[in-house]
Amino acid sequence: MTDLVTAYGTAPGLYDEEQELVRTMSRLPLRERLLRRAALADRGTLDASEADGKAQQSIRSAALKLAAHDQAHGTSAGPIAPTTIDTDSPAAALRSYVRQEYAAWSAPAGPSVWLVTRAEDPGAIPCEDEATARAYAETRYRQDEDPAAPAVLRWDEDGELVDETLPSSYQGTGWTAREEQVIRAADLPNVE
């Protein structure tokens, strides 16, 4: 079982996490939304009595939704398989599943690079971060298509997305910006 410190050691405080979820909910991928809500329910009901049906239902419902999503999409990351989580699972099993998935999600990923590509062009332009990649794609779109076109994406000074006149895949322009994990030879298992 993943312990609390391992699972939530780097998590923001409950209030901050709840506010962040409310603020960004519509922009989060579905799995991240389900995972963070389940983790919030787990953390928020730690001191609740087993007899507190409302609190227990909160974690039960959130964990079951996460496990169902993971089972349907093959997105679980830990040793507890989502197929072992069902409506008859004890609360401890539900919490263990949520904690293992949150720990895996919040663990620092390996190095990554953002790639900017255009549908008809071979190759990709590497960028160090998402903001640079999106800005490059937007600049090239304006240069190639229409310098007076409205911004594809617009950010405020803090790097938060303010306006999105086209989907993030720049539908219709051919431009995309996506994150790719860098896999080095040292990261690969030795297979003999």
N, C-alpha and C. Protein backbone atom coordinates (compact mmCIF):
# COMPACT_ATOMS: atom_id res chain seq x y z
N MET A 1 0.85 -1.19 0.00
CA MET A 1 0.00 0.00 0.00
C MET A 1 0.88 1.24 0.00
N THR A 2 0.59 2.18 -0.87
CA THR A 2 1.31 3.44 -0.92
C THR A 2 0.91 4.26 0.29
N ASP A 3 1.91 4.69 1.08
CA ASP A 3 1.58 5.44 2.29
C ASP A 3 1.25 6.90 1.95
N LEU A 4 0.69 7.60 2.93
CA LEU A 4 0.27 8.99 2.71
C LEU A 4 1.41 9.90 2.30
N VAL A 5 2.56 9.77 2.97
CA VAL A 5 3.69 10.64 2.67
C VAL A 5 4.18 10.42 1.25
N THR A 6 4.29 9.17 0.83
CA THR A 6 4.72 8.88 -0.53
C THR A 6 3.72 9.40 -1.55
N ALA A 7 2.45 9.19 -1.28
CA ALA A 7 1.42 9.59 -2.24
C ALA A 7 1.23 11.10 -2.30
N TYR A 8 1.15 11.74 -1.14
CA TYR A 8 0.77 13.16 -1.11
C TYR A 8 1.85 14.08 -0.57
N GLY A 9 3.08 13.60 -0.49
CA GLY A 9 4.16 14.40 0.07
C GLY A 9 4.38 15.73 -0.64
N THR A 10 4.17 15.77 -1.94
CA THR A 10 4.38 17.02 -2.69
C THR A 10 3.07 17.69 -3.09
N ALA A 11 1.96 17.15 -2.61
CA ALA A 11 0.65 17.72 -2.97
C ALA A 11 0.45 19.05 -2.27
N PRO A 12 -0.25 19.97 -2.93
CA PRO A 12 -0.57 21.23 -2.26
C PRO A 12 -1.55 20.98 -1.11
N GLY A 13 -1.73 21.96 -0.24
CA GLY A 13 -2.69 21.84 0.85
C GLY A 13 -4.08 21.58 0.30
N LEU A 14 -4.96 21.03 1.13
CA LEU A 14 -6.32 20.70 0.68
C LEU A 14 -7.05 21.90 0.10
N TYR A 15 -7.00 23.03 0.79
CA TYR A 15 -7.70 24.22 0.30
C TYR A 15 -7.13 24.66 -1.04
N ASP A 16 -5.80 24.73 -1.12
CA ASP A 16 -5.16 25.16 -2.37
C ASP A 16 -5.48 24.21 -3.52
N GLU A 17 -5.46 22.91 -3.24
CA GLU A 17 -5.77 21.93 -4.28
C GLU A 17 -7.22 22.07 -4.75
N GLU A 18 -8.12 22.26 -3.80
CA GLU A 18 -9.53 22.42 -4.16
C GLU A 18 -9.74 23.66 -5.02
N GLN A 19 -9.10 24.77 -4.64
CA GLN A 19 -9.22 26.00 -5.42
C GLN A 19 -8.61 25.85 -6.81
N GLU A 20 -7.47 25.18 -6.89
CA GLU A 20 -6.82 24.93 -8.18
C GLU A 20 -7.71 24.08 -9.08
N LEU A 21 -8.34 23.07 -8.52
CA LEU A 21 -9.25 22.22 -9.30
C LEU A 21 -10.44 23.01 -9.81
N VAL A 22 -11.01 23.83 -8.96
CA VAL A 22 -12.16 24.65 -9.38
C VAL A 22 -11.74 25.58 -10.52
N ARG A 23 -10.55 26.17 -10.38
CA ARG A 23 -10.08 27.15 -11.37
C ARG A 23 -9.73 26.50 -12.71
N THR A 24 -9.19 25.29 -12.69
CA THR A 24 -8.67 24.69 -13.93
C THR A 24 -9.47 23.50 -14.42
N MET A 25 -10.55 23.16 -13.75
CA MET A 25 -11.30 21.93 -14.05
C MET A 25 -11.61 21.75 -15.54
N SER A 26 -12.08 22.78 -16.19
CA SER A 26 -12.51 22.63 -17.58
C SER A 26 -11.33 22.41 -18.54
N ARG A 27 -10.12 22.75 -18.11
CA ARG A 27 -8.95 22.60 -19.00
C ARG A 27 -8.19 21.31 -18.75
N LEU A 28 -8.53 20.60 -17.69
CA LEU A 28 -7.77 19.38 -17.36
C LEU A 28 -8.24 18.20 -18.18
N PRO A 29 -7.32 17.32 -18.55
CA PRO A 29 -7.73 16.06 -19.18
C PRO A 29 -8.61 15.28 -18.20
N LEU A 30 -9.52 14.48 -18.72
CA LEU A 30 -10.48 13.78 -17.88
C LEU A 30 -9.81 12.93 -16.80
N ARG A 31 -8.79 12.18 -17.15
CA ARG A 31 -8.16 11.32 -16.15
C ARG A 31 -7.55 12.13 -15.02
N GLU A 32 -6.88 13.23 -15.35
CA GLU A 32 -6.28 14.06 -14.31
C GLU A 32 -7.35 14.62 -13.39
N ARG A 33 -8.45 15.03 -13.98
CA ARG A 33 -9.58 15.55 -13.19
C ARG A 33 -10.09 14.47 -12.22
N LEU A 34 -10.32 13.25 -12.73
CA LEU A 34 -10.80 12.16 -11.89
C LEU A 34 -9.79 11.82 -10.80
N LEU A 35 -8.52 11.76 -11.16
CA LEU A 35 -7.47 11.42 -10.21
C LEU A 35 -7.36 12.45 -9.11
N ARG A 36 -7.31 13.71 -9.47
CA ARG A 36 -7.15 14.76 -8.47
C ARG A 36 -8.37 14.88 -7.57
N ARG A 37 -9.56 14.64 -8.12
CA ARG A 37 -10.77 14.65 -7.29
C ARG A 37 -10.76 13.47 -6.32
N ALA A 38 -10.31 12.31 -6.79
CA ALA A 38 -10.24 11.13 -5.92
C ALA A 38 -9.22 11.36 -4.80
N ALA A 39 -8.07 11.93 -5.15
CA ALA A 39 -7.05 12.21 -4.14
C ALA A 39 -7.56 13.24 -3.14
N LEU A 40 -8.26 14.24 -3.62
CA LEU A 40 -8.83 15.25 -2.73
C LEU A 40 -9.85 14.61 -1.79
N ALA A 41 -10.67 13.71 -2.31
CA ALA A 41 -11.65 13.00 -1.47
C ALA A 41 -10.93 12.13 -0.44
N ASP A 42 -9.87 11.45 -0.85
CA ASP A 42 -9.10 10.62 0.07
C ASP A 42 -8.52 11.47 1.20
N ARG A 43 -7.84 12.52 0.84
CA ARG A 43 -7.20 13.38 1.83
C ARG A 43 -8.22 14.07 2.72
N GLY A 44 -9.34 14.47 2.14
CA GLY A 44 -10.36 15.20 2.89
C GLY A 44 -11.17 14.34 3.84
N THR A 45 -11.12 13.02 3.68
CA THR A 45 -11.93 12.14 4.53
C THR A 45 -11.07 11.25 5.43
N LEU A 46 -9.80 11.58 5.58
CA LEU A 46 -8.90 10.75 6.40
C LEU A 46 -9.37 10.64 7.85
N ASP A 47 -9.87 11.73 8.39
CA ASP A 47 -10.28 11.73 9.79
C ASP A 47 -11.75 11.39 9.97
N ALA A 48 -12.44 11.10 8.90
CA ALA A 48 -13.87 10.79 8.98
C ALA A 48 -14.09 9.41 9.58
N SER A 49 -15.13 9.30 10.33
CA SER A 49 -15.50 8.02 10.93
C SER A 49 -16.01 7.07 9.86
N GLU A 50 -15.82 5.78 10.08
CA GLU A 50 -16.37 4.77 9.17
C GLU A 50 -17.89 4.87 9.10
N ALA A 51 -18.49 5.42 10.16
CA ALA A 51 -19.95 5.55 10.21
C ALA A 51 -20.45 6.77 9.44
N ASP A 52 -19.53 7.64 9.03
CA ASP A 52 -19.92 8.84 8.28
C ASP A 52 -20.14 8.45 6.82
N GLY A 53 -21.38 8.12 6.51
CA GLY A 53 -21.72 7.63 5.18
C GLY A 53 -21.40 8.61 4.07
N LYS A 54 -21.62 9.90 4.31
CA LYS A 54 -21.37 10.90 3.27
C LYS A 54 -19.87 10.96 2.93
N ALA A 55 -19.04 10.96 3.94
CA ALA A 55 -17.59 11.01 3.71
C ALA A 55 -17.11 9.74 3.02
N GLN A 56 -17.60 8.60 3.47
CA GLN A 56 -17.19 7.34 2.88
C GLN A 56 -17.67 7.23 1.43
N GLN A 57 -18.86 7.74 1.16
CA GLN A 57 -19.38 7.70 -0.21
C GLN A 57 -18.56 8.59 -1.13
N SER A 58 -18.04 9.69 -0.59
CA SER A 58 -17.22 10.62 -1.38
C SER A 58 -15.98 9.91 -1.94
N ILE A 59 -15.23 9.23 -1.08
CA ILE A 59 -14.02 8.54 -1.56
C ILE A 59 -14.40 7.33 -2.41
N ARG A 60 -15.43 6.62 -2.02
CA ARG A 60 -15.87 5.43 -2.77
C ARG A 60 -16.24 5.82 -4.20
N SER A 61 -17.06 6.83 -4.35
CA SER A 61 -17.51 7.26 -5.67
C SER A 61 -16.34 7.73 -6.54
N ALA A 62 -15.47 8.57 -5.97
CA ALA A 62 -14.34 9.11 -6.73
C ALA A 62 -13.37 8.01 -7.14
N ALA A 63 -13.08 7.09 -6.24
CA ALA A 63 -12.14 6.00 -6.54
C ALA A 63 -12.71 5.06 -7.60
N LEU A 64 -13.99 4.76 -7.51
CA LEU A 64 -14.62 3.87 -8.50
C LEU A 64 -14.64 4.51 -9.89
N LYS A 65 -14.88 5.82 -9.96
CA LYS A 65 -14.86 6.51 -11.26
C LYS A 65 -13.46 6.47 -11.87
N LEU A 66 -12.45 6.70 -11.03
CA LEU A 66 -11.07 6.66 -11.52
C LEU A 66 -10.71 5.25 -12.00
N ALA A 67 -11.04 4.25 -11.21
CA ALA A 67 -10.72 2.86 -11.59
C ALA A 67 -11.45 2.45 -12.87
N ALA A 68 -12.71 2.87 -13.01
CA ALA A 68 -13.47 2.53 -14.22
C ALA A 68 -12.84 3.18 -15.44
N HIS A 69 -12.41 4.43 -15.31
CA HIS A 69 -11.75 5.12 -16.41
C HIS A 69 -10.44 4.42 -16.76
N ASP A 70 -9.65 4.11 -15.74
CA ASP A 70 -8.36 3.44 -15.98
C ASP A 70 -8.55 2.08 -16.63
N GLN A 71 -9.56 1.36 -16.21
CA GLN A 71 -9.82 0.04 -16.80
C GLN A 71 -10.23 0.18 -18.26
N ALA A 72 -11.07 1.16 -18.55
CA ALA A 72 -11.55 1.35 -19.93
C ALA A 72 -10.45 1.85 -20.86
N HIS A 73 -9.49 2.61 -20.32
CA HIS A 73 -8.48 3.24 -21.18
C HIS A 73 -7.07 2.71 -20.98
N GLY A 74 -6.90 1.76 -20.07
CA GLY A 74 -5.57 1.20 -19.84
C GLY A 74 -4.58 2.20 -19.30
N THR A 75 -5.04 3.09 -18.41
CA THR A 75 -4.19 4.18 -17.95
C THR A 75 -3.70 4.04 -16.51
N SER A 76 -3.87 2.91 -15.87
CA SER A 76 -3.37 2.78 -14.49
C SER A 76 -1.85 2.64 -14.52
N ALA A 77 -1.22 3.02 -13.40
CA ALA A 77 0.24 3.04 -13.39
C ALA A 77 0.88 2.16 -12.32
N GLY A 78 0.11 1.62 -11.41
CA GLY A 78 0.70 0.89 -10.29
C GLY A 78 0.38 -0.58 -10.29
N PRO A 79 0.84 -1.27 -9.26
CA PRO A 79 0.63 -2.72 -9.18
C PRO A 79 -0.81 -3.14 -8.88
N ILE A 80 -1.59 -2.27 -8.25
CA ILE A 80 -2.99 -2.61 -8.00
C ILE A 80 -3.75 -2.33 -9.30
N ALA A 81 -4.26 -3.36 -9.91
CA ALA A 81 -4.96 -3.21 -11.19
C ALA A 81 -6.36 -2.63 -10.98
N PRO A 82 -6.83 -1.80 -11.90
CA PRO A 82 -8.17 -1.24 -11.75
C PRO A 82 -9.26 -2.31 -11.79
N THR A 83 -8.96 -3.45 -12.37
CA THR A 83 -9.95 -4.53 -12.43
C THR A 83 -10.23 -5.12 -11.06
N THR A 84 -9.34 -4.88 -10.09
CA THR A 84 -9.55 -5.40 -8.74
C THR A 84 -10.40 -4.46 -7.89
N ILE A 85 -10.71 -3.30 -8.42
CA ILE A 85 -11.50 -2.30 -7.69
C ILE A 85 -12.93 -2.37 -8.18
N ASP A 86 -13.84 -2.63 -7.26
CA ASP A 86 -15.26 -2.65 -7.62
C ASP A 86 -16.10 -2.16 -6.44
N THR A 87 -17.40 -2.20 -6.59
CA THR A 87 -18.29 -1.66 -5.56
C THR A 87 -18.20 -2.42 -4.24
N ASP A 88 -17.68 -3.63 -4.26
CA ASP A 88 -17.54 -4.42 -3.03
C ASP A 88 -16.17 -4.23 -2.37
N SER A 89 -15.29 -3.46 -2.99
CA SER A 89 -13.95 -3.26 -2.44
C SER A 89 -14.02 -2.50 -1.12
N PRO A 90 -13.20 -2.91 -0.14
CA PRO A 90 -13.17 -2.17 1.12
C PRO A 90 -12.55 -0.78 0.91
N ALA A 91 -12.85 0.13 1.83
CA ALA A 91 -12.35 1.50 1.73
C ALA A 91 -10.83 1.53 1.63
N ALA A 92 -10.14 0.66 2.37
CA ALA A 92 -8.67 0.64 2.34
C ALA A 92 -8.15 0.33 0.94
N ALA A 93 -8.80 -0.57 0.23
CA ALA A 93 -8.38 -0.91 -1.14
C ALA A 93 -8.61 0.27 -2.08
N LEU A 94 -9.73 0.95 -1.91
CA LEU A 94 -10.03 2.12 -2.75
C LEU A 94 -8.98 3.21 -2.52
N ARG A 95 -8.69 3.46 -1.25
CA ARG A 95 -7.69 4.49 -0.92
C ARG A 95 -6.31 4.10 -1.46
N SER A 96 -5.96 2.84 -1.34
CA SER A 96 -4.65 2.38 -1.85
C SER A 96 -4.54 2.60 -3.35
N TYR A 97 -5.61 2.32 -4.07
CA TYR A 97 -5.58 2.50 -5.51
C TYR A 97 -5.39 3.98 -5.86
N VAL A 98 -6.16 4.84 -5.21
CA VAL A 98 -6.05 6.28 -5.47
C VAL A 98 -4.64 6.77 -5.14
N ARG A 99 -4.10 6.34 -4.03
CA ARG A 99 -2.76 6.80 -3.61
C ARG A 99 -1.67 6.33 -4.57
N GLN A 100 -1.75 5.08 -5.03
CA GLN A 100 -0.72 4.61 -5.97
C GLN A 100 -0.79 5.40 -7.27
N GLU A 101 -1.99 5.69 -7.73
CA GLU A 101 -2.13 6.42 -8.99
C GLU A 101 -1.69 7.88 -8.83
N TYR A 102 -2.01 8.49 -7.70
CA TYR A 102 -1.60 9.88 -7.47
C TYR A 102 -0.08 9.95 -7.34
N ALA A 103 0.52 9.01 -6.63
CA ALA A 103 1.98 8.99 -6.48
C ALA A 103 2.66 8.86 -7.84
N ALA A 104 2.13 7.99 -8.69
CA ALA A 104 2.71 7.82 -10.03
C ALA A 104 2.52 9.07 -10.88
N TRP A 105 1.36 9.70 -10.77
CA TRP A 105 1.06 10.90 -11.55
C TRP A 105 1.93 12.07 -11.11
N SER A 106 2.15 12.21 -9.81
CA SER A 106 2.88 13.37 -9.31
C SER A 106 4.39 13.18 -9.30
N ALA A 107 4.86 11.96 -9.56
CA ALA A 107 6.31 11.71 -9.60
C ALA A 107 6.91 12.48 -10.77
N PRO A 108 8.10 13.03 -10.56
CA PRO A 108 8.72 13.75 -11.66
C PRO A 108 8.95 12.83 -12.86
N ALA A 109 8.57 13.31 -14.01
CA ALA A 109 8.77 12.53 -15.24
C ALA A 109 10.21 12.67 -15.69
N GLY A 110 10.59 11.81 -16.58
CA GLY A 110 11.91 11.91 -17.17
C GLY A 110 12.01 13.19 -18.00
N PRO A 111 13.16 13.45 -18.57
CA PRO A 111 13.30 14.67 -19.37
C PRO A 111 12.34 14.65 -20.56
N SER A 112 11.90 15.82 -20.94
CA SER A 112 11.00 15.89 -22.09
C SER A 112 11.38 17.07 -22.97
N VAL A 113 10.84 17.05 -24.16
CA VAL A 113 11.05 18.13 -25.11
C VAL A 113 9.71 18.39 -25.78
N TRP A 114 9.44 19.63 -26.10
CA TRP A 114 8.22 19.97 -26.83
C TRP A 114 8.56 20.04 -28.31
N LEU A 115 7.75 19.37 -29.12
CA LEU A 115 7.98 19.34 -30.57
C LEU A 115 6.89 20.13 -31.27
N VAL A 116 7.32 20.97 -32.20
CA VAL A 116 6.39 21.74 -33.02
C VAL A 116 6.46 21.16 -34.41
N THR A 117 5.32 20.79 -34.95
CA THR A 117 5.28 20.20 -36.29
C THR A 117 4.17 20.84 -37.10
N ARG A 118 4.31 20.70 -38.41
CA ARG A 118 3.26 21.11 -39.33
C ARG A 118 2.92 19.89 -40.16
N ALA A 119 1.64 19.67 -40.35
CA ALA A 119 1.15 18.43 -40.96
C ALA A 119 1.91 18.01 -42.21
N GLU A 120 2.14 18.94 -43.13
CA GLU A 120 2.74 18.53 -44.40
C GLU A 120 4.27 18.56 -44.39
N ASP A 121 4.87 19.06 -43.31
CA ASP A 121 6.33 19.14 -43.23
C ASP A 121 6.92 17.93 -42.52
N PRO A 122 8.01 17.37 -43.04
CA PRO A 122 8.67 16.29 -42.31
C PRO A 122 9.47 16.89 -41.15
N GLY A 123 9.71 16.10 -40.13
CA GLY A 123 10.53 16.56 -39.02
C GLY A 123 9.75 17.42 -38.05
N ALA A 124 10.46 17.89 -37.04
CA ALA A 124 9.85 18.70 -35.99
C ALA A 124 10.89 19.67 -35.44
N ILE A 125 10.42 20.76 -34.88
CA ILE A 125 11.29 21.75 -34.26
C ILE A 125 11.23 21.54 -32.76
N PRO A 126 12.35 21.19 -32.10
CA PRO A 126 12.31 20.98 -30.64
C PRO A 126 12.33 22.31 -29.90
N CYS A 127 11.59 22.38 -28.81
CA CYS A 127 11.57 23.55 -27.93
C CYS A 127 11.69 23.07 -26.49
N GLU A 128 12.21 23.93 -25.62
CA GLU A 128 12.45 23.53 -24.24
C GLU A 128 11.18 23.43 -23.41
N ASP A 129 10.17 24.23 -23.72
CA ASP A 129 8.97 24.21 -22.89
C ASP A 129 7.73 24.48 -23.74
N GLU A 130 6.57 24.31 -23.12
CA GLU A 130 5.31 24.44 -23.84
C GLU A 130 5.08 25.86 -24.36
N ALA A 131 5.36 26.86 -23.53
CA ALA A 131 5.11 28.24 -23.95
C ALA A 131 5.93 28.60 -25.19
N THR A 132 7.20 28.19 -25.21
CA THR A 132 8.05 28.46 -26.36
C THR A 132 7.53 27.73 -27.60
N ALA A 133 7.13 26.48 -27.43
CA ALA A 133 6.62 25.69 -28.56
C ALA A 133 5.36 26.32 -29.13
N ARG A 134 4.43 26.70 -28.26
CA ARG A 134 3.18 27.28 -28.74
C ARG A 134 3.41 28.65 -29.38
N ALA A 135 4.30 29.44 -28.79
CA ALA A 135 4.61 30.75 -29.36
C ALA A 135 5.24 30.61 -30.74
N TYR A 136 6.14 29.64 -30.88
CA TYR A 136 6.77 29.40 -32.17
C TYR A 136 5.73 28.99 -33.21
N ALA A 137 4.85 28.05 -32.84
CA ALA A 137 3.81 27.59 -33.77
C ALA A 137 2.91 28.74 -34.17
N GLU A 138 2.55 29.57 -33.20
CA GLU A 138 1.68 30.71 -33.50
C GLU A 138 2.38 31.71 -34.42
N THR A 139 3.65 31.99 -34.16
CA THR A 139 4.41 32.92 -35.00
C THR A 139 4.51 32.40 -36.43
N ARG A 140 4.85 31.12 -36.58
CA ARG A 140 4.94 30.54 -37.92
C ARG A 140 3.59 30.55 -38.62
N TYR A 141 2.53 30.28 -37.90
CA TYR A 141 1.19 30.32 -38.48
C TYR A 141 0.91 31.72 -39.02
N ARG A 142 1.21 32.73 -38.24
CA ARG A 142 0.96 34.11 -38.69
C ARG A 142 1.82 34.46 -39.90
N GLN A 143 3.09 34.04 -39.89
CA GLN A 143 3.98 34.33 -41.01
C GLN A 143 3.50 33.65 -42.29
N ASP A 144 3.13 32.38 -42.17
CA ASP A 144 2.78 31.58 -43.34
C ASP A 144 1.37 31.82 -43.85
N GLU A 145 0.46 32.12 -42.97
CA GLU A 145 -0.94 32.19 -43.36
C GLU A 145 -1.46 33.61 -43.49
N ASP A 146 -1.51 34.32 -42.37
CA ASP A 146 -2.13 35.63 -42.37
C ASP A 146 -1.59 36.43 -41.19
N PRO A 147 -0.72 37.41 -41.44
CA PRO A 147 -0.13 38.18 -40.34
C PRO A 147 -1.17 38.90 -39.48
N ALA A 148 -2.34 39.18 -40.02
CA ALA A 148 -3.36 39.89 -39.26
C ALA A 148 -4.33 38.95 -38.55
N ALA A 149 -4.09 37.65 -38.65
CA ALA A 149 -5.00 36.67 -38.03
C ALA A 149 -5.01 36.85 -36.51
N PRO A 150 -6.15 36.57 -35.90
CA PRO A 150 -6.18 36.65 -34.43
C PRO A 150 -5.27 35.58 -33.83
N ALA A 151 -4.87 35.82 -32.61
CA ALA A 151 -3.97 34.87 -31.94
C ALA A 151 -4.60 33.49 -31.89
N VAL A 152 -3.79 32.48 -32.15
CA VAL A 152 -4.25 31.11 -32.01
C VAL A 152 -4.40 30.82 -30.52
N LEU A 153 -3.40 31.18 -29.76
CA LEU A 153 -3.44 31.08 -28.31
C LEU A 153 -2.87 32.37 -27.74
N ARG A 154 -3.38 32.79 -26.61
CA ARG A 154 -2.87 34.01 -25.98
C ARG A 154 -2.70 33.73 -24.49
N TRP A 155 -1.55 34.15 -23.93
CA TRP A 155 -1.26 33.92 -22.52
C TRP A 155 -1.13 35.24 -21.79
N ASP A 156 -1.38 35.22 -20.47
CA ASP A 156 -1.12 36.41 -19.67
C ASP A 156 0.34 36.38 -19.21
N GLU A 157 0.72 37.37 -18.38
CA GLU A 157 2.12 37.48 -17.96
C GLU A 157 2.58 36.28 -17.14
N ASP A 158 1.65 35.58 -16.48
CA ASP A 158 2.01 34.43 -15.66
C ASP A 158 2.05 33.13 -16.45
N GLY A 159 1.83 33.20 -17.77
CA GLY A 159 1.86 32.00 -18.59
C GLY A 159 0.55 31.23 -18.61
N GLU A 160 -0.52 31.83 -18.06
CA GLU A 160 -1.83 31.17 -18.06
C GLU A 160 -2.53 31.43 -19.40
N LEU A 161 -3.18 30.40 -19.91
CA LEU A 161 -3.93 30.52 -21.16
C LEU A 161 -5.12 31.44 -20.94
N VAL A 162 -5.22 32.51 -21.72
CA VAL A 162 -6.30 33.48 -21.58
C VAL A 162 -7.34 33.29 -22.67
N ASP A 163 -6.89 33.07 -23.89
CA ASP A 163 -7.82 32.99 -25.02
C ASP A 163 -7.35 31.90 -25.96
N GLU A 164 -8.29 31.19 -26.48
CA GLU A 164 -7.97 30.12 -27.42
C GLU A 164 -8.97 30.23 -28.56
N THR A 165 -8.53 30.80 -29.68
CA THR A 165 -9.45 30.98 -30.79
C THR A 165 -9.55 29.74 -31.65
N LEU A 166 -8.59 28.85 -31.52
CA LEU A 166 -8.62 27.55 -32.19
C LEU A 166 -8.25 26.49 -31.17
N PRO A 167 -8.66 25.24 -31.37
CA PRO A 167 -8.25 24.19 -30.43
C PRO A 167 -6.73 24.10 -30.36
N SER A 168 -6.21 23.49 -29.30
CA SER A 168 -4.76 23.43 -29.12
C SER A 168 -4.05 22.69 -30.24
N SER A 169 -4.77 21.91 -31.02
CA SER A 169 -4.12 21.23 -32.14
C SER A 169 -4.10 22.13 -33.38
N TYR A 170 -4.51 23.39 -33.22
CA TYR A 170 -4.49 24.36 -34.31
C TYR A 170 -5.22 23.82 -35.52
N GLN A 171 -6.40 23.29 -35.28
CA GLN A 171 -7.20 22.69 -36.35
C GLN A 171 -7.30 23.65 -37.53
N GLY A 172 -7.04 23.13 -38.68
CA GLY A 172 -7.12 23.94 -39.88
C GLY A 172 -5.81 24.61 -40.26
N THR A 173 -4.87 24.70 -39.33
CA THR A 173 -3.59 25.34 -39.65
C THR A 173 -2.51 24.30 -39.91
N GLY A 174 -2.69 23.10 -39.40
CA GLY A 174 -1.68 22.07 -39.56
C GLY A 174 -0.62 22.08 -38.49
N TRP A 175 -0.56 23.14 -37.67
CA TRP A 175 0.47 23.24 -36.64
C TRP A 175 0.06 22.50 -35.38
N THR A 176 1.00 21.82 -34.75
CA THR A 176 0.76 21.21 -33.44
C THR A 176 1.97 21.43 -32.55
N ALA A 177 1.73 21.47 -31.25
CA ALA A 177 2.79 21.54 -30.25
C ALA A 177 2.48 20.44 -29.25
N ARG A 178 3.43 19.53 -29.06
CA ARG A 178 3.16 18.41 -28.15
C ARG A 178 4.42 18.05 -27.37
N GLU A 179 4.20 17.50 -26.19
CA GLU A 179 5.32 17.08 -25.35
C GLU A 179 5.67 15.64 -25.65
N GLU A 180 6.94 15.38 -25.74
CA GLU A 180 7.44 14.02 -25.96
C GLU A 180 8.48 13.72 -24.89
N GLN A 181 8.44 12.52 -24.35
CA GLN A 181 9.46 12.11 -23.38
C GLN A 181 10.74 11.75 -24.13
N VAL A 182 11.85 12.14 -23.58
CA VAL A 182 13.14 11.81 -24.15
C VAL A 182 13.57 10.48 -23.54
N ILE A 183 13.84 9.50 -24.37
CA ILE A 183 14.28 8.20 -23.89
C ILE A 183 15.73 8.03 -24.31
N ARG A 184 16.57 7.88 -23.31
CA ARG A 184 17.99 7.69 -23.56
C ARG A 184 18.31 6.20 -23.51
N ALA A 185 19.40 5.81 -24.12
CA ALA A 185 19.79 4.39 -24.12
C ALA A 185 19.93 3.87 -22.69
N ALA A 186 20.41 4.71 -21.78
CA ALA A 186 20.59 4.30 -20.38
C ALA A 186 19.25 4.02 -19.70
N ASP A 187 18.16 4.60 -20.22
CA ASP A 187 16.83 4.40 -19.62
C ASP A 187 16.20 3.08 -20.03
N LEU A 188 16.71 2.48 -21.09
CA LEU A 188 16.11 1.25 -21.61
C LEU A 188 16.58 0.04 -20.81
N PRO A 189 15.71 -0.95 -20.63
CA PRO A 189 16.14 -2.15 -19.91
C PRO A 189 17.13 -2.95 -20.75
N ASN A 190 18.01 -3.64 -20.06
CA ASN A 190 18.96 -4.53 -20.75
C ASN A 190 18.24 -5.80 -21.13
N VAL A 191 18.10 -6.04 -22.40
CA VAL A 191 17.46 -7.26 -22.88
C VAL A 191 18.51 -8.07 -23.60
N GLU A 192 18.72 -9.26 -23.14
CA GLU A 192 19.74 -10.09 -23.77
C GLU A 192 19.17 -11.34 -24.35
